[in-house]
């Protein structure tokens, strides 16, 4: 999207968040998938969230999804109705390319907003 860091995503408790991850990274010029415990699969990615109480199963927050170049995947996050407000974050989490992609700015915030009227007016107006 041309931004350094990803967009801020805003949700509320009880929402269903759908994110389609489209991998526009260029394919690797040589194979690296066989390398274990090293930087590898530079162009394969996925999405992982920290701070949300959501399912780790497909199509939710599974770290085992592999989105290859020119591929896409639709994540569906069911946010519980009793989820507390706060700040969470997301980033790629494909083992082997996580650090490389995050260092390139692939991360962003998820704001779980307070329910309307739940804060004192002087705080809510800030």
Foldseek 3Di string as FASTA:
>chain_A
DPDQADDEAEAAAQDKDKDKDFQQDDADPDAFVPDPPAQGLQRWWDKAKPDAPWDCDPPAHPLPDTAHHRGMHMRITGGHNPTDWDKIKMATRNPRNGVVRVVSRGMYIYTHDDPPPPDPPVVVVD
